[in-house]
Amino acid sequence: MDVPLWLALLAVGALGTKLVRPPWWLVAVLLLGGYLVADSFLAPAIATVVK
């Protein structure tokens, strides 16, 4: 199943906010940073580390 990146980030952000209750600005920075890194030249390096 292929899930769009924005939908996966939204789901992770919603679950994280409900479970951990971090500050809203921290959630925004992590989500935006993850989205930007996923489309950058660092994506292949991160993919090899994650796998």
Protein backbone atom coordinates (compact mmCIF):
# COMPACT_ATOMS: atom_id res chain seq x y z
CA MET A 1 0.00 0.00 0.00
CA ASP A 2 1.40 3.40 -0.98
CA VAL A 3 0.69 6.16 1.49
CA PRO A 4 1.43 9.78 0.55
CA LEU A 5 4.19 11.34 2.61
CA TRP A 6 1.99 14.20 3.80
CA LEU A 7 -0.63 11.75 5.08
CA ALA A 8 1.94 9.67 6.96
CA LEU A 9 3.43 12.80 8.54
CA LEU A 10 -0.01 14.03 9.53
CA ALA A 11 -0.86 10.69 11.18
CA VAL A 12 2.44 10.54 13.06
CA GLY A 13 2.01 14.13 14.22
CA ALA A 14 -1.54 13.52 15.42
CA LEU A 15 -0.60 10.38 17.34
CA GLY A 16 2.49 11.98 18.84
CA THR A 17 0.55 15.01 19.96
CA LYS A 18 -2.12 12.90 21.65
CA LEU A 19 0.30 10.51 23.36
CA VAL A 20 3.23 12.71 24.40
CA ARG A 21 1.74 16.25 24.52
CA PRO A 22 4.83 18.13 23.26
CA PRO A 23 4.73 21.86 22.54
CA TRP A 24 3.00 22.68 19.24
CA TRP A 25 6.07 24.43 17.84
CA LEU A 26 8.19 21.31 18.37
CA VAL A 27 5.68 19.19 16.44
CA ALA A 28 5.66 21.73 13.60
CA VAL A 29 9.47 21.87 13.41
CA LEU A 30 9.83 18.07 13.39
CA LEU A 31 7.15 17.56 10.76
CA LEU A 32 8.44 20.31 8.48
CA GLY A 33 12.03 19.16 8.92
CA GLY A 34 11.12 15.56 8.12
CA TYR A 35 9.24 16.60 5.02
CA LEU A 36 12.10 18.75 3.78
CA VAL A 37 14.75 16.09 4.44
CA ALA A 38 12.67 13.42 2.67
CA ASP A 39 12.83 15.43 -0.56
CA SER A 40 16.48 16.41 -0.26
CA PHE A 41 19.74 14.81 -1.31
CA LEU A 42 20.00 13.29 2.18
CA ALA A 43 17.06 10.95 1.57
CA PRO A 44 19.15 8.03 0.17
CA ALA A 45 21.56 8.22 3.11
CA ILE A 46 18.71 8.22 5.61
CA ALA A 47 17.00 5.34 3.80
CA THR A 48 20.09 3.15 4.12
CA VAL A 49 20.37 3.93 7.84
CA VAL A 50 16.69 3.22 8.47
CA LYS A 51 16.71 -0.04 6.54
